[in-house]
Amino acid sequence: METKAFTLLELFRLGGIFMWPLLFFSVATVAIVCERAAYLLYHNLRMDDLEKKLRIYIEEGNLDGAEAWLSGLSGRRVGARVLLVMVRRASLSAGLMEKAVEAEALDCVASLENGFNFLTALGSLSPLTGFLGTVSGMIAAFKSIAEASEVNARIVANGIYEALITTVFGLVIAITAMVFHSVFSHVVDRFAAGTEKTCSGLIIDLALRS
């Protein structure tokens, strides 16, 4: 017996009314993932090259040059924003310099994590909405069984697989959202750790040369 293949539009129709919020969740997930991926790629999060060049400026005692160089990079390089604050606060004590750098770093991390909470919410709401659609579909399926004069396996099977469509879509959306949330969080965590390490070493260099 040949198995009938369904198009995406037919599956959407079979899923019922709860496919509409799932469609919204899927569009929102794709939009957030694309926006965050583009944002993280555009704002180069490397710190090693910035540290190497800035260390040369510090060794030469050319903090004005370092500030001008970092100012030119701060639009695209998030790490440059943090280092720029450090250079501008070079006249302060190491403790005050560290506090200023920490505040700027927290602000940068917050900007990088913008939208992560939405991915978490979508990862939670999508399977719940899918399950709700399944329950609704099962209720309709059993109602059809109760109203049928003759019950056969096809009535039961058709109702059940149609009801489970929303669960599948909900799980796909949730898995996509949570996978990219984990990947993006790992990237931001690495940047935060690298920034902390880089700034700690450079603050010591600045303090020794003050």
N, C-alpha and C. Protein backbone atom coordinates (compact mmCIF):
# COMPACT_ATOMS: atom_id res chain seq x y z
N MET A 1 0.84 -1.20 0.00
CA MET A 1 0.00 0.00 0.00
C MET A 1 0.88 1.25 0.00
N GLU A 2 0.60 2.15 -0.92
CA GLU A 2 1.42 3.36 -1.04
C GLU A 2 1.07 4.37 0.04
N THR A 3 2.09 4.90 0.69
CA THR A 3 1.88 5.89 1.74
C THR A 3 1.72 7.28 1.14
N LYS A 4 0.70 7.98 1.58
CA LYS A 4 0.44 9.32 1.06
C LYS A 4 1.39 10.31 1.69
N ALA A 5 2.00 11.14 0.85
CA ALA A 5 2.91 12.17 1.34
C ALA A 5 2.16 13.49 1.46
N PHE A 6 2.38 14.17 2.57
CA PHE A 6 1.69 15.43 2.83
C PHE A 6 2.64 16.60 2.56
N THR A 7 2.07 17.66 2.00
CA THR A 7 2.83 18.89 1.86
C THR A 7 2.79 19.63 3.20
N LEU A 8 3.67 20.62 3.33
CA LEU A 8 3.72 21.41 4.56
C LEU A 8 2.40 22.14 4.79
N LEU A 9 1.80 22.61 3.72
CA LEU A 9 0.52 23.31 3.84
C LEU A 9 -0.58 22.38 4.32
N GLU A 10 -0.58 21.15 3.83
CA GLU A 10 -1.58 20.17 4.26
C GLU A 10 -1.38 19.81 5.73
N LEU A 11 -0.13 19.66 6.15
CA LEU A 11 0.14 19.38 7.56
C LEU A 11 -0.31 20.54 8.43
N PHE A 12 -0.09 21.75 7.95
CA PHE A 12 -0.53 22.93 8.69
C PHE A 12 -2.05 22.92 8.85
N ARG A 13 -2.76 22.57 7.81
CA ARG A 13 -4.21 22.54 7.86
C ARG A 13 -4.70 21.44 8.80
N LEU A 14 -4.05 20.29 8.74
CA LEU A 14 -4.45 19.17 9.59
C LEU A 14 -4.18 19.45 11.07
N GLY A 15 -3.19 20.29 11.35
CA GLY A 15 -2.84 20.58 12.74
C GLY A 15 -3.89 21.39 13.49
N GLY A 16 -4.74 22.08 12.76
CA GLY A 16 -5.81 22.83 13.41
C GLY A 16 -5.41 24.23 13.82
N ILE A 17 -6.23 24.83 14.67
CA ILE A 17 -6.08 26.23 15.03
C ILE A 17 -4.79 26.52 15.79
N PHE A 18 -4.26 25.52 16.50
CA PHE A 18 -3.04 25.76 17.30
C PHE A 18 -1.78 25.83 16.43
N MET A 19 -1.94 25.55 15.14
CA MET A 19 -0.79 25.73 14.25
C MET A 19 -0.49 27.21 14.01
N TRP A 20 -1.48 28.08 14.20
CA TRP A 20 -1.25 29.50 14.00
C TRP A 20 -0.29 30.10 15.03
N PRO A 21 -0.49 29.85 16.34
CA PRO A 21 0.54 30.34 17.27
C PRO A 21 1.89 29.67 17.05
N LEU A 22 1.88 28.40 16.63
CA LEU A 22 3.15 27.74 16.35
C LEU A 22 3.84 28.36 15.14
N LEU A 23 3.05 28.81 14.16
CA LEU A 23 3.63 29.51 13.02
C LEU A 23 4.28 30.81 13.47
N PHE A 24 3.60 31.53 14.36
CA PHE A 24 4.17 32.76 14.90
C PHE A 24 5.46 32.47 15.67
N PHE A 25 5.45 31.41 16.48
CA PHE A 25 6.65 31.05 17.25
C PHE A 25 7.81 30.68 16.32
N SER A 26 7.51 29.97 15.24
CA SER A 26 8.57 29.56 14.32
C SER A 26 9.18 30.78 13.62
N VAL A 27 8.32 31.71 13.18
CA VAL A 27 8.83 32.92 12.53
C VAL A 27 9.66 33.75 13.51
N ALA A 28 9.17 33.86 14.75
CA ALA A 28 9.91 34.62 15.77
C ALA A 28 11.26 33.97 16.06
N THR A 29 11.29 32.64 16.14
CA THR A 29 12.53 31.93 16.41
C THR A 29 13.55 32.16 15.30
N VAL A 30 13.12 32.01 14.06
CA VAL A 30 14.02 32.21 12.91
C VAL A 30 14.53 33.65 12.88
N ALA A 31 13.63 34.61 13.14
CA ALA A 31 14.02 36.01 13.11
C ALA A 31 15.07 36.32 14.18
N ILE A 32 14.84 35.84 15.40
CA ILE A 32 15.78 36.11 16.49
C ILE A 32 17.12 35.42 16.23
N VAL A 33 17.08 34.18 15.77
CA VAL A 33 18.32 33.45 15.49
C VAL A 33 19.14 34.17 14.41
N CYS A 34 18.48 34.58 13.34
CA CYS A 34 19.19 35.27 12.25
C CYS A 34 19.75 36.61 12.73
N GLU A 35 18.95 37.36 13.49
CA GLU A 35 19.40 38.66 13.98
C GLU A 35 20.58 38.52 14.93
N ARG A 36 20.51 37.58 15.87
CA ARG A 36 21.60 37.39 16.83
C ARG A 36 22.85 36.86 16.15
N ALA A 37 22.68 35.95 15.20
CA ALA A 37 23.84 35.41 14.49
C ALA A 37 24.55 36.51 13.71
N ALA A 38 23.77 37.34 13.03
CA ALA A 38 24.36 38.46 12.28
C ALA A 38 25.03 39.45 13.22
N TYR A 39 24.41 39.72 14.35
CA TYR A 39 24.96 40.68 15.32
C TYR A 39 26.28 40.16 15.89
N LEU A 40 26.32 38.91 16.27
CA LEU A 40 27.53 38.35 16.86
C LEU A 40 28.66 38.23 15.84
N LEU A 41 28.30 37.94 14.59
CA LEU A 41 29.32 37.85 13.55
C LEU A 41 29.86 39.23 13.18
N TYR A 42 28.97 40.21 13.13
CA TYR A 42 29.39 41.56 12.76
C TYR A 42 30.29 42.17 13.84
N HIS A 43 29.90 41.99 15.10
CA HIS A 43 30.70 42.54 16.20
C HIS A 43 31.76 41.50 16.60
N ASN A 44 32.87 41.59 15.92
CA ASN A 44 33.98 40.66 16.15
C ASN A 44 34.29 40.58 17.64
N LEU A 45 34.21 39.37 18.21
CA LEU A 45 34.39 39.20 19.65
C LEU A 45 35.80 38.75 20.03
N ARG A 46 36.71 38.75 19.09
CA ARG A 46 38.09 38.37 19.42
C ARG A 46 38.71 39.41 20.35
N MET A 47 39.55 38.94 21.25
CA MET A 47 40.24 39.82 22.18
C MET A 47 41.76 39.74 22.05
N ASP A 48 42.26 38.62 21.51
CA ASP A 48 43.71 38.42 21.49
C ASP A 48 44.43 39.46 20.64
N ASP A 49 43.86 39.81 19.46
CA ASP A 49 44.52 40.80 18.62
C ASP A 49 44.47 42.19 19.23
N LEU A 50 43.36 42.51 19.91
CA LEU A 50 43.25 43.80 20.59
C LEU A 50 44.25 43.90 21.73
N GLU A 51 44.38 42.82 22.48
CA GLU A 51 45.31 42.82 23.61
C GLU A 51 46.75 43.01 23.13
N LYS A 52 47.12 42.32 22.06
CA LYS A 52 48.49 42.40 21.55
C LYS A 52 48.84 43.81 21.11
N LYS A 53 47.93 44.43 20.36
CA LYS A 53 48.19 45.78 19.85
C LYS A 53 48.18 46.81 20.99
N LEU A 54 47.22 46.68 21.92
CA LEU A 54 47.14 47.64 23.01
C LEU A 54 48.34 47.54 23.94
N ARG A 55 48.86 46.34 24.11
CA ARG A 55 50.04 46.17 24.95
C ARG A 55 51.23 46.93 24.38
N ILE A 56 51.32 46.98 23.06
CA ILE A 56 52.41 47.74 22.41
C ILE A 56 52.26 49.23 22.72
N TYR A 57 51.03 49.73 22.62
CA TYR A 57 50.78 51.14 22.93
C TYR A 57 51.15 51.44 24.38
N ILE A 58 50.80 50.52 25.29
CA ILE A 58 51.10 50.74 26.72
C ILE A 58 52.60 50.75 26.96
N GLU A 59 53.31 49.82 26.34
CA GLU A 59 54.76 49.76 26.51
C GLU A 59 55.43 51.01 25.97
N GLU A 60 54.85 51.60 24.93
CA GLU A 60 55.41 52.84 24.38
C GLU A 60 54.95 54.07 25.15
N GLY A 61 53.99 53.89 26.06
CA GLY A 61 53.46 55.01 26.82
C GLY A 61 52.57 55.92 25.99
N ASN A 62 52.07 55.40 24.91
CA ASN A 62 51.25 56.19 23.98
C ASN A 62 49.76 55.90 24.21
N LEU A 63 49.24 56.38 25.33
CA LEU A 63 47.83 56.12 25.65
C LEU A 63 46.90 56.94 24.77
N ASP A 64 47.34 58.11 24.33
CA ASP A 64 46.51 58.90 23.42
C ASP A 64 46.32 58.17 22.09
N GLY A 65 47.40 57.59 21.62
CA GLY A 65 47.30 56.80 20.39
C GLY A 65 46.41 55.59 20.57
N ALA A 66 46.52 54.95 21.73
CA ALA A 66 45.69 53.79 22.03
C ALA A 66 44.21 54.18 22.07
N GLU A 67 43.93 55.32 22.69
CA GLU A 67 42.54 55.79 22.76
C GLU A 67 41.98 56.08 21.38
N ALA A 68 42.76 56.72 20.54
CA ALA A 68 42.30 57.03 19.17
C ALA A 68 42.07 55.75 18.38
N TRP A 69 42.97 54.79 18.54
CA TRP A 69 42.84 53.52 17.82
C TRP A 69 41.60 52.76 18.26
N LEU A 70 41.39 52.67 19.58
CA LEU A 70 40.23 51.95 20.11
C LEU A 70 38.92 52.67 19.77
N SER A 71 38.94 53.98 19.74
CA SER A 71 37.74 54.74 19.38
C SER A 71 37.29 54.41 17.97
N GLY A 72 38.26 54.21 17.08
CA GLY A 72 37.92 53.87 15.71
C GLY A 72 37.35 52.48 15.56
N LEU A 73 37.66 51.61 16.52
CA LEU A 73 37.18 50.23 16.45
C LEU A 73 35.91 49.99 17.26
N SER A 74 35.58 50.90 18.17
CA SER A 74 34.51 50.64 19.13
C SER A 74 33.13 50.48 18.49
N GLY A 75 32.96 50.96 17.26
CA GLY A 75 31.66 50.81 16.61
C GLY A 75 31.35 49.36 16.26
N ARG A 76 32.38 48.60 15.93
CA ARG A 76 32.17 47.21 15.53
C ARG A 76 32.75 46.20 16.51
N ARG A 77 33.83 46.53 17.17
CA ARG A 77 34.47 45.60 18.10
C ARG A 77 33.97 45.86 19.51
N VAL A 78 33.21 44.93 20.04
CA VAL A 78 32.68 45.09 21.39
C VAL A 78 33.81 45.13 22.41
N GLY A 79 34.82 44.31 22.21
CA GLY A 79 35.95 44.31 23.13
C GLY A 79 36.68 45.64 23.16
N ALA A 80 36.69 46.35 22.03
CA ALA A 80 37.34 47.66 21.98
C ALA A 80 36.63 48.66 22.87
N ARG A 81 35.31 48.53 23.01
CA ARG A 81 34.56 49.42 23.90
C ARG A 81 35.02 49.27 25.34
N VAL A 82 35.24 48.03 25.74
CA VAL A 82 35.68 47.76 27.12
C VAL A 82 37.09 48.28 27.33
N LEU A 83 37.97 48.01 26.39
CA LEU A 83 39.36 48.45 26.52
C LEU A 83 39.47 49.98 26.45
N LEU A 84 38.58 50.61 25.70
CA LEU A 84 38.59 52.07 25.61
C LEU A 84 38.29 52.70 26.95
N VAL A 85 37.35 52.13 27.68
CA VAL A 85 37.05 52.62 29.04
C VAL A 85 38.26 52.46 29.93
N MET A 86 38.95 51.35 29.80
CA MET A 86 40.13 51.10 30.63
C MET A 86 41.22 52.13 30.34
N VAL A 87 41.46 52.43 29.07
CA VAL A 87 42.50 53.40 28.71
C VAL A 87 42.13 54.79 29.20
N ARG A 88 40.85 55.14 29.07
CA ARG A 88 40.42 56.47 29.52
C ARG A 88 40.46 56.62 31.04
N ARG A 89 40.43 55.51 31.76
CA ARG A 89 40.50 55.54 33.22
C ARG A 89 41.87 55.15 33.73
N ALA A 90 42.87 55.23 32.86
CA ALA A 90 44.23 54.78 33.22
C ALA A 90 44.83 55.59 34.36
N SER A 91 44.36 56.80 34.56
CA SER A 91 44.91 57.64 35.63
C SER A 91 44.37 57.25 37.01
N LEU A 92 43.35 56.44 37.05
CA LEU A 92 42.76 56.03 38.32
C LEU A 92 43.56 54.88 38.92
N SER A 93 43.20 54.52 40.14
CA SER A 93 43.83 53.36 40.78
C SER A 93 43.36 52.09 40.09
N ALA A 94 44.09 51.01 40.33
CA ALA A 94 43.76 49.74 39.69
C ALA A 94 42.35 49.28 40.07
N GLY A 95 41.97 49.51 41.34
CA GLY A 95 40.65 49.09 41.80
C GLY A 95 39.53 49.84 41.10
N LEU A 96 39.66 51.16 40.99
CA LEU A 96 38.64 51.97 40.31
C LEU A 96 38.61 51.68 38.82
N MET A 97 39.79 51.45 38.26
CA MET A 97 39.86 51.11 36.84
C MET A 97 39.13 49.80 36.57
N GLU A 98 39.34 48.85 37.47
CA GLU A 98 38.69 47.55 37.32
C GLU A 98 37.18 47.65 37.42
N LYS A 99 36.68 48.48 38.32
CA LYS A 99 35.23 48.67 38.47
C LYS A 99 34.63 49.30 37.22
N ALA A 100 35.32 50.28 36.65
CA ALA A 100 34.83 50.93 35.43
C ALA A 100 34.78 49.95 34.27
N VAL A 101 35.82 49.14 34.16
CA VAL A 101 35.89 48.14 33.09
C VAL A 101 34.80 47.09 33.28
N GLU A 102 34.59 46.68 34.52
CA GLU A 102 33.57 45.67 34.81
C GLU A 102 32.18 46.18 34.44
N ALA A 103 31.89 47.43 34.74
CA ALA A 103 30.58 48.01 34.42
C ALA A 103 30.36 48.04 32.91
N GLU A 104 31.38 48.44 32.17
CA GLU A 104 31.26 48.49 30.71
C GLU A 104 31.14 47.09 30.12
N ALA A 105 31.88 46.14 30.68
CA ALA A 105 31.81 44.76 30.20
C ALA A 105 30.43 44.17 30.41
N LEU A 106 29.83 44.45 31.57
CA LEU A 106 28.47 43.96 31.84
C LEU A 106 27.48 44.55 30.85
N ASP A 107 27.65 45.81 30.51
CA ASP A 107 26.77 46.45 29.54
C ASP A 107 26.94 45.82 28.16
N CYS A 108 28.17 45.52 27.79
CA CYS A 108 28.43 44.88 26.50
C CYS A 108 27.84 43.48 26.44
N VAL A 109 28.01 42.71 27.51
CA VAL A 109 27.46 41.36 27.55
C VAL A 109 25.94 41.40 27.47
N ALA A 110 25.32 42.38 28.14
CA ALA A 110 23.87 42.52 28.08
C ALA A 110 23.40 42.79 26.65
N SER A 111 24.15 43.61 25.92
CA SER A 111 23.78 43.90 24.53
C SER A 111 23.94 42.66 23.66
N LEU A 112 24.96 41.85 23.95
CA LEU A 112 25.17 40.62 23.18
C LEU A 112 24.08 39.59 23.48
N GLU A 113 23.58 39.59 24.70
CA GLU A 113 22.56 38.60 25.11
C GLU A 113 21.14 39.07 24.83
N ASN A 114 20.99 40.20 24.20
CA ASN A 114 19.66 40.71 23.88
C ASN A 114 18.92 39.72 22.98
N GLY A 115 17.74 39.29 23.41
CA GLY A 115 16.97 38.32 22.64
C GLY A 115 17.10 36.90 23.14
N PHE A 116 18.09 36.63 23.99
CA PHE A 116 18.26 35.27 24.51
C PHE A 116 17.07 34.83 25.34
N ASN A 117 16.49 35.74 26.12
CA ASN A 117 15.32 35.39 26.93
C ASN A 117 14.14 34.99 26.07
N PHE A 118 14.02 35.63 24.89
CA PHE A 118 12.93 35.27 23.99
C PHE A 118 13.12 33.86 23.44
N LEU A 119 14.36 33.49 23.16
CA LEU A 119 14.62 32.12 22.70
C LEU A 119 14.27 31.11 23.78
N THR A 120 14.59 31.45 25.03
CA THR A 120 14.22 30.55 26.13
C THR A 120 12.71 30.42 26.26
N ALA A 121 12.02 31.54 26.14
CA ALA A 121 10.55 31.53 26.23
C ALA A 121 9.94 30.72 25.09
N LEU A 122 10.46 30.91 23.88
CA LEU A 122 9.95 30.17 22.73
C LEU A 122 10.24 28.67 22.88
N GLY A 123 11.39 28.36 23.46
CA GLY A 123 11.72 26.96 23.69
C GLY A 123 10.81 26.29 24.69
N SER A 124 10.21 27.08 25.58
CA SER A 124 9.29 26.54 26.58
C SER A 124 7.84 26.54 26.09
N LEU A 125 7.45 27.62 25.40
CA LEU A 125 6.06 27.76 24.98
C LEU A 125 5.71 26.87 23.79
N SER A 126 6.64 26.66 22.90
CA SER A 126 6.33 25.91 21.68
C SER A 126 5.87 24.47 21.96
N PRO A 127 6.60 23.68 22.75
CA PRO A 127 6.11 22.32 23.00
C PRO A 127 4.82 22.29 23.81
N LEU A 128 4.65 23.27 24.70
CA LEU A 128 3.39 23.32 25.47
C LEU A 128 2.21 23.62 24.56
N THR A 129 2.41 24.55 23.62
CA THR A 129 1.36 24.86 22.66
C THR A 129 1.08 23.67 21.76
N GLY A 130 2.14 22.99 21.34
CA GLY A 130 1.97 21.79 20.53
C GLY A 130 1.21 20.71 21.27
N PHE A 131 1.53 20.52 22.54
CA PHE A 131 0.83 19.52 23.34
C PHE A 131 -0.63 19.90 23.54
N LEU A 132 -0.88 21.21 23.71
CA LEU A 132 -2.25 21.68 23.85
C LEU A 132 -3.04 21.40 22.58
N GLY A 133 -2.41 21.60 21.42
CA GLY A 133 -3.07 21.26 20.16
C GLY A 133 -3.34 19.78 20.04
N THR A 134 -2.42 18.96 20.55
CA THR A 134 -2.62 17.51 20.51
C THR A 134 -3.79 17.10 21.38
N VAL A 135 -3.86 17.67 22.57
CA VAL A 135 -4.98 17.34 23.46
C VAL A 135 -6.30 17.75 22.82
N SER A 136 -6.31 18.96 22.22
CA SER A 136 -7.52 19.42 21.55
C SER A 136 -7.90 18.49 20.41
N GLY A 137 -6.90 18.05 19.64
CA GLY A 137 -7.16 17.13 18.54
C GLY A 137 -7.65 15.79 19.03
N MET A 138 -7.10 15.31 20.13
CA MET A 138 -7.55 14.03 20.69
C MET A 138 -9.00 14.12 21.16
N ILE A 139 -9.35 15.25 21.74
CA ILE A 139 -10.74 15.44 22.17
C ILE A 139 -11.68 15.36 20.96
N ALA A 140 -11.27 16.04 19.88
CA ALA A 140 -12.09 16.01 18.67
C ALA A 140 -12.15 14.60 18.08
N ALA A 141 -11.02 13.87 18.14
CA ALA A 141 -10.99 12.51 17.60
C ALA A 141 -11.92 11.59 18.38
N PHE A 142 -11.87 11.65 19.68
CA PHE A 142 -12.74 10.79 20.50
C PHE A 142 -14.21 11.21 20.38
N LYS A 143 -14.45 12.48 20.13
CA LYS A 143 -15.82 12.93 19.90
C LYS A 143 -16.36 12.31 18.61
N SER A 144 -15.48 12.26 17.58
CA SER A 144 -15.88 11.63 16.32
C SER A 144 -16.14 10.15 16.50
N ILE A 145 -15.32 9.51 17.33
CA ILE A 145 -15.51 8.08 17.61
C ILE A 145 -16.84 7.86 18.32
N ALA A 146 -17.13 8.73 19.28
CA ALA A 146 -18.38 8.59 20.04
C ALA A 146 -19.61 8.79 19.16
N GLU A 147 -19.48 9.65 18.16
CA GLU A 147 -20.62 9.95 17.30
C GLU A 147 -20.75 8.98 16.14
N ALA A 148 -19.69 8.18 15.87
CA ALA A 148 -19.72 7.26 14.73
C ALA A 148 -20.58 6.04 15.05
N SER A 149 -21.34 5.62 14.05
CA SER A 149 -22.17 4.41 14.25
C SER A 149 -21.32 3.16 14.23
N GLU A 150 -20.24 3.19 13.45
CA GLU A 150 -19.32 2.05 13.39
C GLU A 150 -17.90 2.57 13.60
N VAL A 151 -17.21 2.02 14.55
CA VAL A 151 -15.85 2.43 14.86
C VAL A 151 -14.87 1.48 14.19
N ASN A 152 -13.92 2.04 13.45
CA ASN A 152 -12.88 1.21 12.85
C ASN A 152 -11.51 1.82 13.13
N ALA A 153 -10.47 1.09 12.81
CA ALA A 153 -9.10 1.53 13.12
C ALA A 153 -8.74 2.82 12.40
N ARG A 154 -9.30 3.04 11.20
CA ARG A 154 -8.94 4.23 10.43
C ARG A 154 -9.42 5.50 11.13
N ILE A 155 -10.62 5.46 11.71
CA ILE A 155 -11.13 6.63 12.42
C ILE A 155 -10.20 6.99 13.58
N VAL A 156 -9.80 5.98 14.34
CA VAL A 156 -8.93 6.22 15.49
C VAL A 156 -7.55 6.70 15.05
N ALA A 157 -6.95 6.02 14.06
CA ALA A 157 -5.60 6.36 13.61
C ALA A 157 -5.54 7.75 13.00
N ASN A 158 -6.50 8.06 12.15
CA ASN A 158 -6.49 9.38 11.51
C ASN A 158 -6.58 10.50 12.54
N GLY A 159 -7.46 10.34 13.51
CA GLY A 159 -7.62 11.37 14.53
C GLY A 159 -6.36 11.55 15.36
N ILE A 160 -5.69 10.44 15.68
CA ILE A 160 -4.50 10.52 16.53
C ILE A 160 -3.33 11.17 15.78
N TYR A 161 -3.05 10.76 14.54
CA TYR A 161 -1.88 11.32 13.87
C TYR A 161 -2.10 12.78 13.51
N GLU A 162 -3.33 13.15 13.23
CA GLU A 162 -3.60 14.56 12.99
C GLU A 162 -3.38 15.36 14.27
N ALA A 163 -3.77 14.80 15.41
CA ALA A 163 -3.60 15.50 16.68
C ALA A 163 -2.13 15.66 17.04
N LEU A 164 -1.30 14.70 16.66
CA LEU A 164 0.11 14.73 17.05
C LEU A 164 0.95 15.68 16.19
N ILE A 165 0.39 16.19 15.12
CA ILE A 165 1.13 17.10 14.24
C ILE A 165 1.61 18.34 15.00
N THR A 166 0.75 18.90 15.84
CA THR A 166 1.14 20.09 16.58
C THR A 166 2.28 19.81 17.55
N THR A 167 2.28 18.62 18.14
CA THR A 167 3.38 18.28 19.05
C THR A 167 4.71 18.22 18.30
N VAL A 168 4.70 17.64 17.12
CA VAL A 168 5.93 17.57 16.31
C VAL A 168 6.44 18.96 15.97
N PHE A 169 5.55 19.82 15.49
CA PHE A 169 5.97 21.18 15.13
C PHE A 169 6.47 21.93 16.36
N GLY A 170 5.77 21.77 17.48
CA GLY A 170 6.19 22.44 18.71
C GLY A 170 7.57 22.00 19.16
N LEU A 171 7.84 20.70 19.07
CA LEU A 171 9.15 20.18 19.48
C LEU A 171 10.26 20.65 18.55
N VAL A 172 9.98 20.70 17.25
CA VAL A 172 10.98 21.18 16.29
C VAL A 172 11.36 22.62 16.59
N ILE A 173 10.35 23.45 16.85
CA ILE A 173 10.62 24.86 17.16
C ILE A 173 11.42 24.97 18.46
N ALA A 174 11.02 24.21 19.48
CA ALA A 174 11.69 24.28 20.77
C ALA A 174 13.14 23.82 20.67
N ILE A 175 13.39 22.74 19.95
CA ILE A 175 14.75 22.23 19.79
C ILE A 175 15.62 23.26 19.07
N THR A 176 15.08 23.86 18.02
CA THR A 176 15.83 24.88 17.28
C THR A 176 16.18 26.06 18.18
N ALA A 177 15.18 26.54 18.94
CA ALA A 177 15.41 27.70 19.81
C ALA A 177 16.46 27.39 20.88
N MET A 178 16.38 26.22 21.50
CA MET A 178 17.28 25.90 22.60
C MET A 178 18.70 25.60 22.11
N VAL A 179 18.81 24.99 20.92
CA VAL A 179 20.15 24.71 20.37
C VAL A 179 20.89 26.02 20.10
N PHE A 180 20.21 26.95 19.43
CA PHE A 180 20.87 28.22 19.11
C PHE A 180 21.09 29.06 20.37
N HIS A 181 20.20 28.95 21.34
CA HIS A 181 20.42 29.65 22.61
C HIS A 181 21.69 29.15 23.28
N SER A 182 21.90 27.85 23.25
CA SER A 182 23.11 27.27 23.86
C SER A 182 24.37 27.70 23.11
N VAL A 183 24.29 27.71 21.77
CA VAL A 183 25.45 28.11 20.96
C VAL A 183 25.79 29.57 21.21
N PHE A 184 24.78 30.43 21.17
CA PHE A 184 25.01 31.86 21.38
C PHE A 184 25.53 32.14 22.79
N SER A 185 24.97 31.45 23.78
CA SER A 185 25.41 31.65 25.16
C SER A 185 26.87 31.24 25.33
N HIS A 186 27.26 30.17 24.66
CA HIS A 186 28.66 29.73 24.72
C HIS A 186 29.59 30.78 24.13
N VAL A 187 29.18 31.37 23.01
CA VAL A 187 30.00 32.40 22.36
C VAL A 187 30.16 33.62 23.28
N VAL A 188 29.06 34.05 23.88
CA VAL A 188 29.10 35.21 24.77
C VAL A 188 29.91 34.91 26.03
N ASP A 189 29.76 33.71 26.57
CA ASP A 189 30.52 33.33 27.77
C ASP A 189 32.02 33.32 27.48
N ARG A 190 32.40 32.85 26.32
CA ARG A 190 33.82 32.86 25.95
C ARG A 190 34.33 34.28 25.83
N PHE A 191 33.50 35.15 25.25
CA PHE A 191 33.91 36.56 25.15
C PHE A 191 34.08 37.18 26.53
N ALA A 192 33.14 36.90 27.43
CA ALA A 192 33.21 37.46 28.79
C ALA A 192 34.46 36.97 29.51
N ALA A 193 34.76 35.68 29.39
CA ALA A 193 35.95 35.13 30.05
C ALA A 193 37.23 35.72 29.44
N GLY A 194 37.27 35.84 28.11
CA GLY A 194 38.43 36.41 27.45
C GLY A 194 38.64 37.88 27.80
N THR A 195 37.52 38.61 27.91
CA THR A 195 37.60 40.03 28.28
C THR A 195 38.14 40.20 29.69
N GLU A 196 37.65 39.37 30.60
CA GLU A 196 38.12 39.46 31.99
C GLU A 196 39.61 39.17 32.10
N LYS A 197 40.04 38.14 31.39
CA LYS A 197 41.46 37.78 31.43
C LYS A 197 42.34 38.87 30.81
N THR A 198 41.91 39.39 29.67
CA THR A 198 42.68 40.42 28.98
C THR A 198 42.78 41.69 29.81
N CYS A 199 41.65 42.13 30.35
CA CYS A 199 41.63 43.38 31.12
C CYS A 199 42.43 43.26 32.41
N SER A 200 42.39 42.11 33.04
CA SER A 200 43.15 41.92 34.28
C SER A 200 44.64 42.12 34.04
N GLY A 201 45.14 41.52 32.94
CA GLY A 201 46.56 41.67 32.64
C GLY A 201 46.94 43.09 32.24
N LEU A 202 46.09 43.74 31.46
CA LEU A 202 46.41 45.09 31.00
C LEU A 202 46.29 46.11 32.12
N ILE A 203 45.36 45.90 33.04
CA ILE A 203 45.23 46.82 34.18
C ILE A 203 46.50 46.79 35.03
N ILE A 204 47.06 45.60 35.19
CA ILE A 204 48.31 45.49 35.95
C ILE A 204 49.42 46.24 35.24
N ASP A 205 49.48 46.12 33.91
CA ASP A 205 50.51 46.84 33.14
C ASP A 205 50.34 48.35 33.27
N LEU A 206 49.10 48.81 33.20
CA LEU A 206 48.84 50.25 33.34
C LEU A 206 49.19 50.75 34.73
N ALA A 207 48.87 49.93 35.75
CA ALA A 207 49.16 50.33 37.13
C ALA A 207 50.66 50.42 37.38
N LEU A 208 51.41 49.50 36.77
CA LEU A 208 52.87 49.51 36.96
C LEU A 208 53.52 50.69 36.27
N ARG A 209 52.90 51.22 35.23
CA ARG A 209 53.50 52.31 34.47
C ARG A 209 52.95 53.69 34.86
N SER A 210 52.06 53.68 35.85
CA SER A 210 51.49 54.97 36.30
C SER A 210 52.39 55.63 37.34
